[in-house]
Amino acid sequence: MTRLADGLAPVRAYSEEPMPNILNGTITPGKVFDATTDLDGVPAGYQDMADRKNLKLLVKP
């Protein structure tokens, strides 16, 4: 039997090291993030993830 499940990910534990490279364009996170927003768009971005319109939201300050 195969099943697909999701859950919380400890992103903060792993995000500090690659984040500068993502923000300056050295790393293109396109295979991970499929939506980008500023801080004002975070509530709508999280709703889009809950509605399964997007998988992962990149928040740029």
N, C-alpha and C. Protein backbone atom coordinates (compact mmCIF):
# COMPACT_ATOMS: atom_id res chain seq x y z
N MET A 1 0.84 -1.17 0.00
CA MET A 1 0.00 0.00 0.00
C MET A 1 0.89 1.24 0.00
N THR A 2 0.58 2.19 -0.86
CA THR A 2 1.30 3.46 -0.93
C THR A 2 0.39 4.56 -0.45
N ARG A 3 0.97 5.49 0.29
CA ARG A 3 0.15 6.62 0.72
C ARG A 3 0.99 7.88 0.67
N LEU A 4 0.31 8.97 0.50
CA LEU A 4 0.93 10.28 0.47
C LEU A 4 0.45 11.05 1.69
N ALA A 5 1.38 11.61 2.44
CA ALA A 5 1.01 12.35 3.64
C ALA A 5 1.84 13.62 3.71
N ASP A 6 1.36 14.57 4.46
CA ASP A 6 2.13 15.79 4.67
C ASP A 6 2.15 16.11 6.15
N GLY A 7 2.93 17.08 6.50
CA GLY A 7 3.02 17.48 7.89
C GLY A 7 3.93 18.68 8.02
N LEU A 8 4.19 19.07 9.23
CA LEU A 8 5.05 20.21 9.49
C LEU A 8 6.50 19.89 9.17
N ALA A 9 7.21 20.89 8.67
CA ALA A 9 8.63 20.72 8.37
C ALA A 9 9.42 21.72 9.22
N PRO A 10 10.52 21.28 9.82
CA PRO A 10 11.33 22.18 10.66
C PRO A 10 12.20 23.10 9.80
N VAL A 11 11.58 23.98 9.03
CA VAL A 11 12.29 24.80 8.05
C VAL A 11 13.34 25.68 8.71
N ARG A 12 13.04 26.26 9.83
CA ARG A 12 13.99 27.17 10.47
C ARG A 12 15.30 26.48 10.83
N ALA A 13 15.25 25.21 11.08
CA ALA A 13 16.47 24.48 11.42
C ALA A 13 17.43 24.38 10.24
N TYR A 14 16.92 24.51 9.01
CA TYR A 14 17.74 24.32 7.82
C TYR A 14 17.82 25.55 6.92
N SER A 15 17.09 26.62 7.21
CA SER A 15 16.99 27.73 6.27
C SER A 15 18.08 28.79 6.39
N GLU A 16 18.73 28.91 7.51
CA GLU A 16 19.70 29.99 7.68
C GLU A 16 20.89 29.89 6.72
N GLU A 17 21.41 28.71 6.51
CA GLU A 17 22.60 28.57 5.66
C GLU A 17 22.31 28.89 4.18
N PRO A 18 21.28 28.35 3.55
CA PRO A 18 21.07 28.64 2.13
C PRO A 18 20.36 29.97 1.85
N MET A 19 19.72 30.57 2.84
CA MET A 19 18.89 31.75 2.57
C MET A 19 19.64 32.91 1.91
N PRO A 20 20.84 33.28 2.34
CA PRO A 20 21.54 34.37 1.64
C PRO A 20 21.77 34.06 0.15
N ASN A 21 22.10 32.81 -0.16
CA ASN A 21 22.32 32.42 -1.56
C ASN A 21 21.02 32.43 -2.37
N ILE A 22 19.92 32.12 -1.73
CA ILE A 22 18.62 32.18 -2.40
C ILE A 22 18.27 33.64 -2.69
N LEU A 23 18.45 34.51 -1.70
CA LEU A 23 18.07 35.91 -1.86
C LEU A 23 18.96 36.66 -2.85
N ASN A 24 20.24 36.29 -2.95
CA ASN A 24 21.10 36.98 -3.91
C ASN A 24 21.12 36.34 -5.29
N GLY A 25 20.36 35.26 -5.48
CA GLY A 25 20.23 34.64 -6.79
C GLY A 25 21.23 33.56 -7.12
N THR A 26 22.15 33.23 -6.19
CA THR A 26 23.11 32.16 -6.44
C THR A 26 22.41 30.81 -6.56
N ILE A 27 21.42 30.59 -5.72
CA ILE A 27 20.61 29.37 -5.76
C ILE A 27 19.22 29.75 -6.24
N THR A 28 18.71 29.03 -7.21
CA THR A 28 17.34 29.25 -7.68
C THR A 28 16.45 28.20 -7.04
N PRO A 29 15.59 28.61 -6.13
CA PRO A 29 14.78 27.64 -5.40
C PRO A 29 13.51 27.21 -6.13
N GLY A 30 13.46 27.36 -7.42
CA GLY A 30 12.25 27.07 -8.18
C GLY A 30 11.71 25.66 -8.01
N LYS A 31 12.57 24.70 -7.76
CA LYS A 31 12.09 23.33 -7.61
C LYS A 31 11.47 23.08 -6.24
N VAL A 32 11.67 24.03 -5.33
CA VAL A 32 11.10 23.90 -3.99
C VAL A 32 9.92 24.85 -3.84
N PHE A 33 10.14 26.13 -4.14
CA PHE A 33 9.11 27.14 -3.97
C PHE A 33 8.36 27.35 -5.29
N ASP A 34 7.06 27.36 -5.23
CA ASP A 34 6.29 27.61 -6.45
C ASP A 34 5.47 28.89 -6.36
N ALA A 35 5.68 29.68 -5.30
CA ALA A 35 5.02 30.97 -5.16
C ALA A 35 5.92 31.89 -4.34
N THR A 36 5.87 33.17 -4.64
CA THR A 36 6.66 34.17 -3.94
C THR A 36 5.75 35.31 -3.51
N THR A 37 6.02 35.86 -2.33
CA THR A 37 5.23 36.99 -1.84
C THR A 37 6.08 37.87 -0.95
N ASP A 38 5.57 39.05 -0.65
CA ASP A 38 6.19 39.89 0.36
C ASP A 38 5.47 39.62 1.68
N LEU A 39 5.85 40.34 2.72
CA LEU A 39 5.26 40.07 4.03
C LEU A 39 3.75 40.30 4.06
N ASP A 40 3.28 41.28 3.30
CA ASP A 40 1.84 41.56 3.28
C ASP A 40 1.03 40.42 2.66
N GLY A 41 1.65 39.62 1.80
CA GLY A 41 0.94 38.55 1.12
C GLY A 41 0.97 37.21 1.84
N VAL A 42 1.60 37.17 3.02
CA VAL A 42 1.74 35.89 3.74
C VAL A 42 0.40 35.24 4.07
N PRO A 43 -0.58 35.97 4.62
CA PRO A 43 -1.85 35.29 4.93
C PRO A 43 -2.50 34.65 3.69
N ALA A 44 -2.53 35.37 2.58
CA ALA A 44 -3.11 34.80 1.35
C ALA A 44 -2.27 33.65 0.83
N GLY A 45 -0.95 33.76 0.97
CA GLY A 45 -0.06 32.68 0.53
C GLY A 45 -0.28 31.40 1.31
N TYR A 46 -0.45 31.53 2.62
CA TYR A 46 -0.71 30.35 3.44
C TYR A 46 -2.09 29.76 3.13
N GLN A 47 -3.05 30.62 2.82
CA GLN A 47 -4.37 30.11 2.43
C GLN A 47 -4.27 29.35 1.12
N ASP A 48 -3.48 29.87 0.16
CA ASP A 48 -3.29 29.17 -1.10
C ASP A 48 -2.64 27.80 -0.89
N MET A 49 -1.71 27.71 0.07
CA MET A 49 -1.12 26.40 0.36
C MET A 49 -2.16 25.47 0.99
N ALA A 50 -2.96 26.01 1.88
CA ALA A 50 -4.01 25.19 2.51
C ALA A 50 -5.03 24.72 1.47
N ASP A 51 -5.29 25.56 0.47
CA ASP A 51 -6.23 25.19 -0.60
C ASP A 51 -5.57 24.37 -1.69
N ARG A 52 -4.28 24.07 -1.53
CA ARG A 52 -3.50 23.26 -2.48
C ARG A 52 -3.34 23.93 -3.84
N LYS A 53 -3.35 25.28 -3.85
CA LYS A 53 -3.06 26.02 -5.07
C LYS A 53 -1.54 26.14 -5.26
N ASN A 54 -0.81 26.18 -4.15
CA ASN A 54 0.65 26.24 -4.16
C ASN A 54 1.18 25.23 -3.15
N LEU A 55 2.42 24.78 -3.40
CA LEU A 55 3.04 23.83 -2.50
C LEU A 55 3.92 24.50 -1.44
N LYS A 56 4.73 25.49 -1.86
CA LYS A 56 5.67 26.11 -0.94
C LYS A 56 5.79 27.58 -1.27
N LEU A 57 5.73 28.42 -0.26
CA LEU A 57 5.73 29.86 -0.40
C LEU A 57 7.08 30.44 0.01
N LEU A 58 7.68 31.24 -0.86
CA LEU A 58 8.91 31.96 -0.53
C LEU A 58 8.53 33.38 -0.16
N VAL A 59 8.87 33.81 1.05
CA VAL A 59 8.54 35.15 1.53
C VAL A 59 9.79 36.01 1.44
N LYS A 60 9.70 37.07 0.64
CA LYS A 60 10.81 38.02 0.51
C LYS A 60 10.43 39.28 1.28
N PRO A 61 11.30 39.70 2.20
CA PRO A 61 10.99 40.90 3.00
C PRO A 61 11.01 42.17 2.15
